[in-house]
N, C-alpha and C. Protein backbone atom coordinates (compact mmCIF):
# COMPACT_ATOMS: atom_id res chain seq x y z
N ARG A 1 7.81 -17.97 3.29
CA ARG A 1 7.38 -17.37 1.90
C ARG A 1 7.53 -15.90 1.90
N SER A 2 7.96 -15.43 0.74
CA SER A 2 8.01 -14.12 0.49
C SER A 2 7.22 -13.46 -0.50
N MET A 3 6.89 -12.19 -0.77
CA MET A 3 6.08 -11.57 -1.68
C MET A 3 6.54 -11.90 -3.12
N ASP A 4 5.52 -12.45 -4.00
CA ASP A 4 6.01 -12.66 -5.33
C ASP A 4 5.93 -11.33 -6.17
N PHE A 5 6.28 -11.46 -7.47
CA PHE A 5 6.36 -10.29 -8.20
C PHE A 5 5.12 -9.60 -8.51
N LYS A 6 4.04 -10.33 -8.79
CA LYS A 6 2.78 -9.67 -8.90
C LYS A 6 2.30 -9.06 -7.64
N GLY A 7 2.63 -9.72 -6.50
CA GLY A 7 2.40 -9.10 -5.26
C GLY A 7 3.01 -7.73 -4.86
N GLN A 8 4.27 -7.68 -5.37
CA GLN A 8 5.09 -6.44 -5.27
C GLN A 8 4.54 -5.47 -6.07
N LYS A 9 4.08 -5.86 -7.24
CA LYS A 9 3.37 -4.74 -8.26
C LYS A 9 2.20 -4.33 -7.51
N LEU A 10 1.41 -5.12 -7.01
CA LEU A 10 0.19 -4.73 -6.27
C LEU A 10 0.42 -3.94 -5.02
N ALA A 11 1.41 -4.16 -4.15
CA ALA A 11 1.88 -3.46 -2.98
C ALA A 11 2.26 -2.01 -3.59
N PHE A 12 2.92 -1.86 -4.56
CA PHE A 12 3.50 -0.69 -5.11
C PHE A 12 2.30 0.11 -5.51
N PHE A 13 1.41 -0.46 -6.40
CA PHE A 13 0.10 0.37 -6.68
C PHE A 13 -0.79 0.69 -5.54
N LEU A 14 -0.96 -0.06 -4.73
CA LEU A 14 -1.68 0.22 -3.46
C LEU A 14 -1.07 1.40 -2.59
N THR A 15 0.31 1.26 -2.55
CA THR A 15 0.91 2.44 -1.84
C THR A 15 0.57 3.74 -2.38
N TYR A 16 0.84 3.87 -3.77
CA TYR A 16 0.72 5.10 -4.38
C TYR A 16 -0.91 5.56 -4.46
N LEU A 17 -1.74 4.61 -4.58
CA LEU A 17 -3.18 4.85 -4.62
C LEU A 17 -3.74 5.42 -3.13
N ILE A 18 -3.11 4.68 -2.19
CA ILE A 18 -3.55 5.11 -0.69
C ILE A 18 -3.05 6.57 -0.47
N ILE A 19 -1.68 6.75 -0.75
CA ILE A 19 -1.15 8.08 -0.34
C ILE A 19 -1.65 9.12 -1.17
N ILE A 20 -1.96 9.02 -2.46
CA ILE A 20 -2.41 9.92 -3.39
C ILE A 20 -3.88 10.36 -2.82
N SER A 21 -4.69 9.24 -2.61
CA SER A 21 -6.06 9.54 -2.16
C SER A 21 -6.21 10.33 -0.99
N PHE A 22 -5.41 9.87 0.08
CA PHE A 22 -5.48 10.68 1.37
C PHE A 22 -4.94 12.13 1.27
N SER A 23 -3.93 12.37 0.40
CA SER A 23 -3.29 13.54 0.17
C SER A 23 -4.38 14.41 -0.53
N VAL A 24 -5.15 14.00 -1.53
CA VAL A 24 -6.17 14.87 -2.05
C VAL A 24 -7.36 15.10 -1.02
N ILE A 25 -7.74 14.14 -0.37
CA ILE A 25 -8.77 14.36 0.66
C ILE A 25 -8.26 15.27 1.67
N GLY A 26 -6.94 15.17 2.23
CA GLY A 26 -6.45 15.91 3.22
C GLY A 26 -6.40 17.40 2.79
N ALA A 27 -5.98 17.60 1.54
CA ALA A 27 -5.84 18.98 0.88
C ALA A 27 -7.12 19.70 0.82
N LEU A 28 -8.06 18.96 0.30
CA LEU A 28 -9.54 19.43 0.09
C LEU A 28 -10.13 19.77 1.58
N ALA A 29 -9.93 18.76 2.43
CA ALA A 29 -10.42 19.10 3.79
C ALA A 29 -9.81 20.26 4.46
N GLY A 30 -8.51 20.38 4.27
CA GLY A 30 -7.69 21.48 4.79
C GLY A 30 -8.20 22.77 4.25
N ILE A 31 -8.35 22.89 2.92
CA ILE A 31 -8.90 24.05 2.29
C ILE A 31 -10.33 24.42 2.69
N VAL A 32 -11.14 23.48 2.83
CA VAL A 32 -12.61 23.84 3.29
C VAL A 32 -12.69 24.20 4.73
N MET A 33 -11.85 23.46 5.56
CA MET A 33 -11.95 23.76 6.90
C MET A 33 -10.98 24.81 7.39
N ASP A 34 -10.11 25.22 6.35
CA ASP A 34 -9.09 26.29 6.65
C ASP A 34 -8.26 25.90 7.82
N SER A 35 -7.62 24.62 7.71
CA SER A 35 -6.95 24.05 8.76
C SER A 35 -5.75 23.21 8.24
N PHE A 36 -4.55 23.72 8.25
CA PHE A 36 -3.41 22.91 7.91
C PHE A 36 -3.15 21.71 8.68
N TYR A 37 -3.43 21.88 10.03
CA TYR A 37 -3.27 20.73 10.95
C TYR A 37 -4.14 19.62 10.55
N LEU A 38 -5.44 19.80 10.19
CA LEU A 38 -6.39 18.79 9.84
C LEU A 38 -5.78 18.14 8.47
N ALA A 39 -5.38 18.88 7.56
CA ALA A 39 -4.72 18.35 6.30
C ALA A 39 -3.51 17.35 6.76
N PHE A 40 -2.89 17.88 7.50
CA PHE A 40 -1.52 17.25 7.91
C PHE A 40 -1.96 15.76 8.51
N LYS A 41 -2.88 15.83 9.56
CA LYS A 41 -3.35 14.73 10.19
C LYS A 41 -3.87 13.58 9.27
N ILE A 42 -4.73 14.04 8.22
CA ILE A 42 -5.20 13.14 7.25
C ILE A 42 -4.14 12.52 6.35
N VAL A 43 -3.25 13.31 6.00
CA VAL A 43 -1.99 12.75 5.12
C VAL A 43 -1.32 11.76 6.02
N VAL A 44 -0.97 12.22 7.20
CA VAL A 44 -0.31 11.17 8.05
C VAL A 44 -1.03 9.91 8.33
N ALA A 45 -2.32 10.04 8.48
CA ALA A 45 -3.15 8.85 8.57
C ALA A 45 -3.12 7.89 7.31
N GLY A 46 -2.99 8.69 6.13
CA GLY A 46 -2.87 7.83 4.87
C GLY A 46 -1.62 7.11 4.76
N LEU A 47 -0.44 7.78 5.34
CA LEU A 47 0.82 6.93 5.45
C LEU A 47 0.73 5.73 6.26
N ILE A 48 0.11 6.03 7.38
CA ILE A 48 -0.01 4.92 8.36
C ILE A 48 -0.84 3.69 7.69
N VAL A 49 -1.94 4.10 7.03
CA VAL A 49 -2.65 3.14 6.43
C VAL A 49 -1.92 2.31 5.25
N ALA A 50 -1.17 3.07 4.47
CA ALA A 50 -0.33 2.49 3.45
C ALA A 50 0.68 1.51 4.08
N ALA A 51 1.31 1.97 5.20
CA ALA A 51 2.28 1.11 5.71
C ALA A 51 1.79 -0.05 6.34
N VAL A 52 0.41 -0.11 6.83
CA VAL A 52 -0.12 -1.35 7.43
C VAL A 52 -0.61 -2.22 6.29
N VAL A 53 -1.00 -1.70 5.09
CA VAL A 53 -1.54 -2.45 4.06
C VAL A 53 -0.24 -3.04 3.13
N CYS A 54 0.78 -2.27 3.14
CA CYS A 54 1.82 -2.64 2.16
C CYS A 54 3.14 -3.22 2.66
N ILE A 55 3.51 -2.94 3.88
CA ILE A 55 4.74 -3.40 4.37
C ILE A 55 4.69 -4.95 4.79
N PRO A 56 3.65 -5.32 5.51
CA PRO A 56 3.72 -6.72 5.96
C PRO A 56 3.29 -7.58 4.64
N ASP A 57 3.97 -8.79 4.71
CA ASP A 57 3.81 -9.79 3.63
C ASP A 57 2.40 -10.51 3.89
N TRP A 58 1.38 -9.91 3.44
CA TRP A 58 -0.03 -10.48 3.64
C TRP A 58 -0.13 -11.66 2.67
N PRO A 59 -1.03 -12.66 2.99
CA PRO A 59 -1.13 -13.65 2.05
C PRO A 59 -1.67 -13.36 0.55
N PHE A 60 -2.41 -12.37 0.45
CA PHE A 60 -2.88 -11.89 -0.79
C PHE A 60 -1.85 -11.48 -1.81
N TYR A 61 -0.58 -11.23 -1.24
CA TYR A 61 0.59 -10.90 -1.95
C TYR A 61 1.23 -11.98 -2.56
N ASN A 62 0.92 -13.32 -2.12
CA ASN A 62 1.59 -14.41 -2.40
C ASN A 62 0.77 -15.57 -3.36
N ARG A 63 -0.03 -14.88 -4.00
CA ARG A 63 -1.01 -15.78 -4.95
C ARG A 63 -0.33 -16.28 -6.18
N ASN A 64 0.71 -15.83 -6.62
CA ASN A 64 1.47 -16.25 -7.79
C ASN A 64 2.91 -16.52 -7.47
N PRO A 65 3.21 -17.64 -6.85
CA PRO A 65 4.50 -18.02 -6.50
C PRO A 65 5.42 -18.29 -7.79
N VAL A 66 6.66 -17.98 -7.71
CA VAL A 66 7.55 -18.15 -8.94
C VAL A 66 8.02 -19.59 -8.80
N GLN A 67 7.92 -20.32 -10.00
CA GLN A 67 8.49 -21.63 -10.16
C GLN A 67 9.85 -21.58 -10.64
N TRP A 68 10.97 -21.80 -9.79
CA TRP A 68 12.33 -21.63 -10.27
C TRP A 68 12.72 -22.91 -11.28
N ALA A 69 13.35 -22.61 -12.15
CA ALA A 69 13.90 -23.89 -12.95
C ALA A 69 14.65 -24.82 -12.16
N GLY A 70 14.23 -26.06 -12.51
CA GLY A 70 15.04 -27.05 -11.78
C GLY A 70 14.50 -27.46 -10.40
N LYS A 71 13.45 -26.73 -9.93
CA LYS A 71 13.03 -27.02 -8.58
C LYS A 71 11.64 -27.51 -8.69
N GLU A 72 11.37 -28.90 -8.12
CA GLU A 72 10.10 -29.55 -8.33
C GLU A 72 9.12 -28.83 -7.38
N LYS A 73 7.88 -28.89 -7.72
CA LYS A 73 6.84 -28.39 -6.95
C LYS A 73 6.58 -29.40 -5.90
N SER A 74 6.74 -29.02 -4.59
CA SER A 74 6.51 -29.93 -3.46
C SER A 74 5.11 -29.88 -3.05
N GLU A 75 4.51 -31.06 -2.84
CA GLU A 75 3.18 -31.24 -2.27
C GLU A 75 3.13 -32.14 -1.14
């Protein structure tokens, strides 16, 4: 099985949500702690989390399979 269209939309949304959230938190932490390295580590952690959540074809991305015309639903 592969990711369905709604799953692709969800993965796209989650990617941006995770990356933007970690970027804002990293920027704020970097400013407060006066540490670019801390901000960098938080942003990289967000990229890793986004990759783990969005790249694999998790089952919750396959909840709406596409029914192709002429193909019977197998049971």
